[in-house]
Amino acid sequence: MKTNKALKRLTHVEELLSDVMERYSDGAHDIQQRLLDAKAAVGRAKDGLKLQASSEKTSAPEKAATRKAAVKVPPAKATKKHVPTKQDYEG
């Protein structure tokens, strides 16, 4: 999965957790704590993905140079064997 897509999904999960936390009763502190822990874990995952995305951007020129070099090499032509046709026999 691409980094941007994963970040969007994690943001959506974070919003859903916030919504559940707002709607859930204040009486069950154990559940509230678990929701807070889940939201914190999602935040840590987003931070990790952001770090990964920034490191990918710094190494992108190296990868682009490699791709450009690979594109310059012409692909090998496939050799197609000649199959005799009816015209070859009549001629």
N, C-alpha and C. Protein backbone atom coordinates (compact mmCIF):
# COMPACT_ATOMS: atom_id res chain seq x y z
N MET A 1 0.85 -1.16 0.00
CA MET A 1 0.00 0.00 0.00
C MET A 1 0.89 1.23 0.00
N LYS A 2 0.50 2.22 -0.75
CA LYS A 2 1.29 3.44 -0.81
C LYS A 2 1.18 4.20 0.51
N THR A 3 2.20 4.99 0.79
CA THR A 3 2.29 5.69 2.06
C THR A 3 1.14 6.68 2.24
N ASN A 4 0.83 7.44 1.20
CA ASN A 4 -0.24 8.44 1.32
C ASN A 4 -1.58 7.79 1.60
N LYS A 5 -1.84 6.67 0.96
CA LYS A 5 -3.11 5.96 1.18
C LYS A 5 -3.18 5.44 2.61
N ALA A 6 -2.08 4.91 3.11
CA ALA A 6 -2.05 4.41 4.48
C ALA A 6 -2.27 5.55 5.47
N LEU A 7 -1.66 6.70 5.20
CA LEU A 7 -1.85 7.86 6.08
C LEU A 7 -3.31 8.32 6.09
N LYS A 8 -3.95 8.31 4.93
CA LYS A 8 -5.35 8.70 4.87
C LYS A 8 -6.22 7.74 5.67
N ARG A 9 -5.94 6.45 5.55
CA ARG A 9 -6.72 5.45 6.28
C ARG A 9 -6.50 5.58 7.78
N LEU A 10 -5.26 5.81 8.20
CA LEU A 10 -4.99 5.97 9.63
C LEU A 10 -5.65 7.23 10.18
N THR A 11 -5.69 8.28 9.38
CA THR A 11 -6.38 9.50 9.79
C THR A 11 -7.86 9.23 9.98
N HIS A 12 -8.43 8.45 9.07
CA HIS A 12 -9.85 8.09 9.18
C HIS A 12 -10.10 7.26 10.44
N VAL A 13 -9.21 6.33 10.74
CA VAL A 13 -9.34 5.52 11.95
C VAL A 13 -9.27 6.40 13.19
N GLU A 14 -8.36 7.36 13.17
CA GLU A 14 -8.21 8.27 14.29
C GLU A 14 -9.48 9.10 14.50
N GLU A 15 -10.09 9.54 13.41
CA GLU A 15 -11.34 10.29 13.51
C GLU A 15 -12.46 9.42 14.07
N LEU A 16 -12.52 8.16 13.62
CA LEU A 16 -13.54 7.24 14.14
C LEU A 16 -13.36 7.00 15.63
N LEU A 17 -12.13 6.82 16.07
CA LEU A 17 -11.87 6.62 17.49
C LEU A 17 -12.28 7.85 18.30
N SER A 18 -11.98 9.02 17.78
CA SER A 18 -12.39 10.25 18.47
C SER A 18 -13.90 10.34 18.59
N ASP A 19 -14.60 9.96 17.53
CA ASP A 19 -16.06 9.98 17.53
C ASP A 19 -16.62 9.01 18.57
N VAL A 20 -16.06 7.81 18.64
CA VAL A 20 -16.52 6.82 19.62
C VAL A 20 -16.25 7.32 21.03
N MET A 21 -15.09 7.94 21.23
CA MET A 21 -14.74 8.46 22.55
C MET A 21 -15.72 9.54 23.00
N GLU A 22 -16.14 10.39 22.07
CA GLU A 22 -17.09 11.46 22.41
C GLU A 22 -18.46 10.89 22.76
N ARG A 23 -18.87 9.85 22.05
CA ARG A 23 -20.21 9.30 22.23
C ARG A 23 -20.30 8.33 23.41
N TYR A 24 -19.16 7.76 23.80
CA TYR A 24 -19.18 6.75 24.85
C TYR A 24 -19.37 7.42 26.21
N SER A 25 -20.07 6.73 27.09
CA SER A 25 -20.37 7.30 28.41
C SER A 25 -19.09 7.48 29.22
N ASP A 26 -19.11 8.47 30.09
CA ASP A 26 -17.95 8.77 30.92
C ASP A 26 -17.81 7.79 32.08
N GLY A 27 -18.80 6.95 32.32
CA GLY A 27 -18.80 6.04 33.46
C GLY A 27 -17.77 4.93 33.37
N ALA A 28 -17.47 4.44 32.18
CA ALA A 28 -16.55 3.32 32.01
C ALA A 28 -15.15 3.85 31.70
N HIS A 29 -14.37 4.06 32.76
CA HIS A 29 -13.03 4.63 32.58
C HIS A 29 -12.07 3.63 31.93
N ASP A 30 -12.30 2.34 32.16
CA ASP A 30 -11.44 1.32 31.56
C ASP A 30 -11.55 1.35 30.04
N ILE A 31 -12.77 1.45 29.54
CA ILE A 31 -12.99 1.52 28.09
C ILE A 31 -12.41 2.81 27.53
N GLN A 32 -12.62 3.91 28.23
CA GLN A 32 -12.06 5.20 27.79
C GLN A 32 -10.54 5.11 27.66
N GLN A 33 -9.90 4.47 28.65
CA GLN A 33 -8.44 4.34 28.62
C GLN A 33 -7.99 3.50 27.43
N ARG A 34 -8.71 2.43 27.15
CA ARG A 34 -8.36 1.58 26.01
C ARG A 34 -8.51 2.34 24.69
N LEU A 35 -9.55 3.15 24.58
CA LEU A 35 -9.75 3.95 23.37
C LEU A 35 -8.63 4.98 23.22
N LEU A 36 -8.22 5.58 24.34
CA LEU A 36 -7.11 6.53 24.29
C LEU A 36 -5.81 5.83 23.87
N ASP A 37 -5.60 4.62 24.38
CA ASP A 37 -4.40 3.86 24.00
C ASP A 37 -4.42 3.52 22.51
N ALA A 38 -5.60 3.16 22.01
CA ALA A 38 -5.72 2.83 20.58
C ALA A 38 -5.45 4.07 19.73
N LYS A 39 -5.98 5.20 20.17
CA LYS A 39 -5.77 6.44 19.42
C LYS A 39 -4.28 6.83 19.43
N ALA A 40 -3.62 6.62 20.55
CA ALA A 40 -2.19 6.92 20.64
C ALA A 40 -1.38 5.99 19.73
N ALA A 41 -1.79 4.72 19.66
CA ALA A 41 -1.09 3.77 18.80
C ALA A 41 -1.25 4.16 17.33
N VAL A 42 -2.43 4.62 16.96
CA VAL A 42 -2.66 5.07 15.58
C VAL A 42 -1.78 6.29 15.29
N GLY A 43 -1.68 7.19 16.26
CA GLY A 43 -0.82 8.37 16.10
C GLY A 43 0.63 7.99 15.91
N ARG A 44 1.09 7.00 16.66
CA ARG A 44 2.48 6.54 16.50
C ARG A 44 2.70 5.90 15.13
N ALA A 45 1.71 5.17 14.67
CA ALA A 45 1.81 4.54 13.34
C ALA A 45 1.88 5.62 12.26
N LYS A 46 1.08 6.67 12.40
CA LYS A 46 1.12 7.77 11.43
C LYS A 46 2.47 8.46 11.44
N ASP A 47 3.03 8.68 12.63
CA ASP A 47 4.34 9.31 12.72
C ASP A 47 5.40 8.45 12.04
N GLY A 48 5.33 7.14 12.24
CA GLY A 48 6.28 6.24 11.60
C GLY A 48 6.17 6.28 10.09
N LEU A 49 4.94 6.34 9.59
CA LEU A 49 4.75 6.41 8.14
C LEU A 49 5.26 7.73 7.58
N LYS A 50 5.07 8.80 8.34
CA LYS A 50 5.57 10.11 7.88
C LYS A 50 7.09 10.11 7.79
N LEU A 51 7.74 9.47 8.77
CA LEU A 51 9.20 9.36 8.73
C LEU A 51 9.65 8.53 7.54
N GLN A 52 8.93 7.46 7.29
CA GLN A 52 9.26 6.60 6.15
C GLN A 52 9.08 7.36 4.84
N ALA A 53 7.99 8.14 4.74
CA ALA A 53 7.73 8.90 3.52
C ALA A 53 8.82 9.94 3.29
N SER A 54 9.28 10.59 4.36
CA SER A 54 10.32 11.60 4.19
C SER A 54 11.64 10.96 3.79
N SER A 55 11.93 9.77 4.30
CA SER A 55 13.17 9.11 3.90
C SER A 55 13.09 8.61 2.46
N GLU A 56 11.88 8.24 2.01
CA GLU A 56 11.72 7.82 0.61
C GLU A 56 11.93 9.00 -0.33
N LYS A 57 11.50 10.18 0.09
CA LYS A 57 11.66 11.36 -0.76
C LYS A 57 13.13 11.74 -0.90
N THR A 58 13.92 11.54 0.14
CA THR A 58 15.33 11.89 0.05
C THR A 58 16.09 10.91 -0.84
N SER A 59 15.64 9.66 -0.90
CA SER A 59 16.33 8.69 -1.74
C SER A 59 15.70 8.58 -3.13
N ALA A 60 14.67 9.35 -3.41
CA ALA A 60 13.98 9.28 -4.70
C ALA A 60 14.89 9.64 -5.87
N PRO A 61 15.76 10.67 -5.79
CA PRO A 61 16.61 10.96 -6.95
C PRO A 61 17.53 9.81 -7.32
N GLU A 62 17.99 9.06 -6.32
CA GLU A 62 18.84 7.91 -6.63
C GLU A 62 18.05 6.86 -7.40
N LYS A 63 16.82 6.61 -6.96
CA LYS A 63 16.00 5.62 -7.64
C LYS A 63 15.64 6.09 -9.05
N ALA A 64 15.36 7.37 -9.21
CA ALA A 64 15.01 7.90 -10.52
C ALA A 64 16.18 7.75 -11.49
N ALA A 65 17.39 8.00 -11.01
CA ALA A 65 18.56 7.85 -11.88
C ALA A 65 18.73 6.40 -12.31
N THR A 66 18.45 5.49 -11.41
CA THR A 66 18.54 4.07 -11.75
C THR A 66 17.50 3.71 -12.79
N ARG A 67 16.28 4.21 -12.61
CA ARG A 67 15.22 3.91 -13.57
C ARG A 67 15.55 4.49 -14.94
N LYS A 68 16.09 5.70 -14.98
CA LYS A 68 16.41 6.33 -16.26
C LYS A 68 17.48 5.52 -16.98
N ALA A 69 18.46 5.04 -16.26
CA ALA A 69 19.51 4.25 -16.88
C ALA A 69 18.94 2.95 -17.43
N ALA A 70 18.00 2.38 -16.73
CA ALA A 70 17.40 1.13 -17.18
C ALA A 70 16.54 1.35 -18.42
N VAL A 71 15.92 2.51 -18.52
CA VAL A 71 15.05 2.79 -19.67
C VAL A 71 15.88 2.98 -20.93
N LYS A 72 17.09 3.49 -20.83
CA LYS A 72 17.91 3.76 -22.00
C LYS A 72 18.37 2.49 -22.70
N VAL A 73 18.40 1.38 -22.01
CA VAL A 73 18.83 0.12 -22.62
C VAL A 73 17.68 -0.41 -23.47
N PRO A 74 17.91 -0.60 -24.79
CA PRO A 74 16.83 -1.09 -25.63
C PRO A 74 16.49 -2.54 -25.30
N PRO A 75 15.21 -2.87 -25.31
CA PRO A 75 14.83 -4.26 -25.02
C PRO A 75 15.25 -5.18 -26.15
N ALA A 76 15.54 -6.40 -25.82
CA ALA A 76 15.93 -7.38 -26.84
C ALA A 76 14.73 -7.70 -27.70
N LYS A 77 14.96 -7.75 -29.00
CA LYS A 77 13.85 -8.05 -29.90
C LYS A 77 13.56 -9.54 -29.86
N ALA A 78 12.30 -9.84 -29.82
CA ALA A 78 11.91 -11.25 -29.82
C ALA A 78 12.03 -11.76 -31.25
N THR A 79 12.68 -12.86 -31.39
CA THR A 79 12.82 -13.44 -32.72
C THR A 79 11.63 -14.34 -32.99
N LYS A 80 11.03 -14.12 -34.12
CA LYS A 80 9.86 -14.89 -34.49
C LYS A 80 10.27 -15.83 -35.62
N LYS A 81 10.03 -17.09 -35.40
CA LYS A 81 10.41 -18.06 -36.41
C LYS A 81 9.42 -18.01 -37.57
N HIS A 82 9.96 -18.19 -38.74
CA HIS A 82 9.12 -18.16 -39.94
C HIS A 82 8.47 -19.52 -40.12
N VAL A 83 7.16 -19.50 -40.21
CA VAL A 83 6.42 -20.73 -40.43
C VAL A 83 6.04 -20.77 -41.90
N PRO A 84 6.36 -21.86 -42.62
CA PRO A 84 6.02 -21.93 -44.04
C PRO A 84 4.50 -21.82 -44.24
N THR A 85 4.15 -21.04 -45.26
CA THR A 85 2.73 -20.86 -45.58
C THR A 85 2.45 -21.54 -46.92
N LYS A 86 1.23 -21.48 -47.33
CA LYS A 86 0.83 -22.09 -48.59
C LYS A 86 1.53 -21.41 -49.77
N GLN A 87 1.76 -20.12 -49.66
CA GLN A 87 2.41 -19.37 -50.74
C GLN A 87 3.86 -19.82 -50.92
N ASP A 88 4.53 -20.23 -49.84
CA ASP A 88 5.91 -20.68 -49.94
C ASP A 88 6.03 -21.95 -50.78
N TYR A 89 5.03 -22.81 -50.71
CA TYR A 89 5.06 -24.07 -51.46
C TYR A 89 4.70 -23.89 -52.93
N GLU A 90 3.83 -22.95 -53.22
CA GLU A 90 3.37 -22.74 -54.61
C GLU A 90 4.38 -21.97 -55.44
N GLY A 91 5.17 -21.15 -54.81
CA GLY A 91 6.05 -20.24 -55.52
C GLY A 91 7.20 -20.84 -56.12
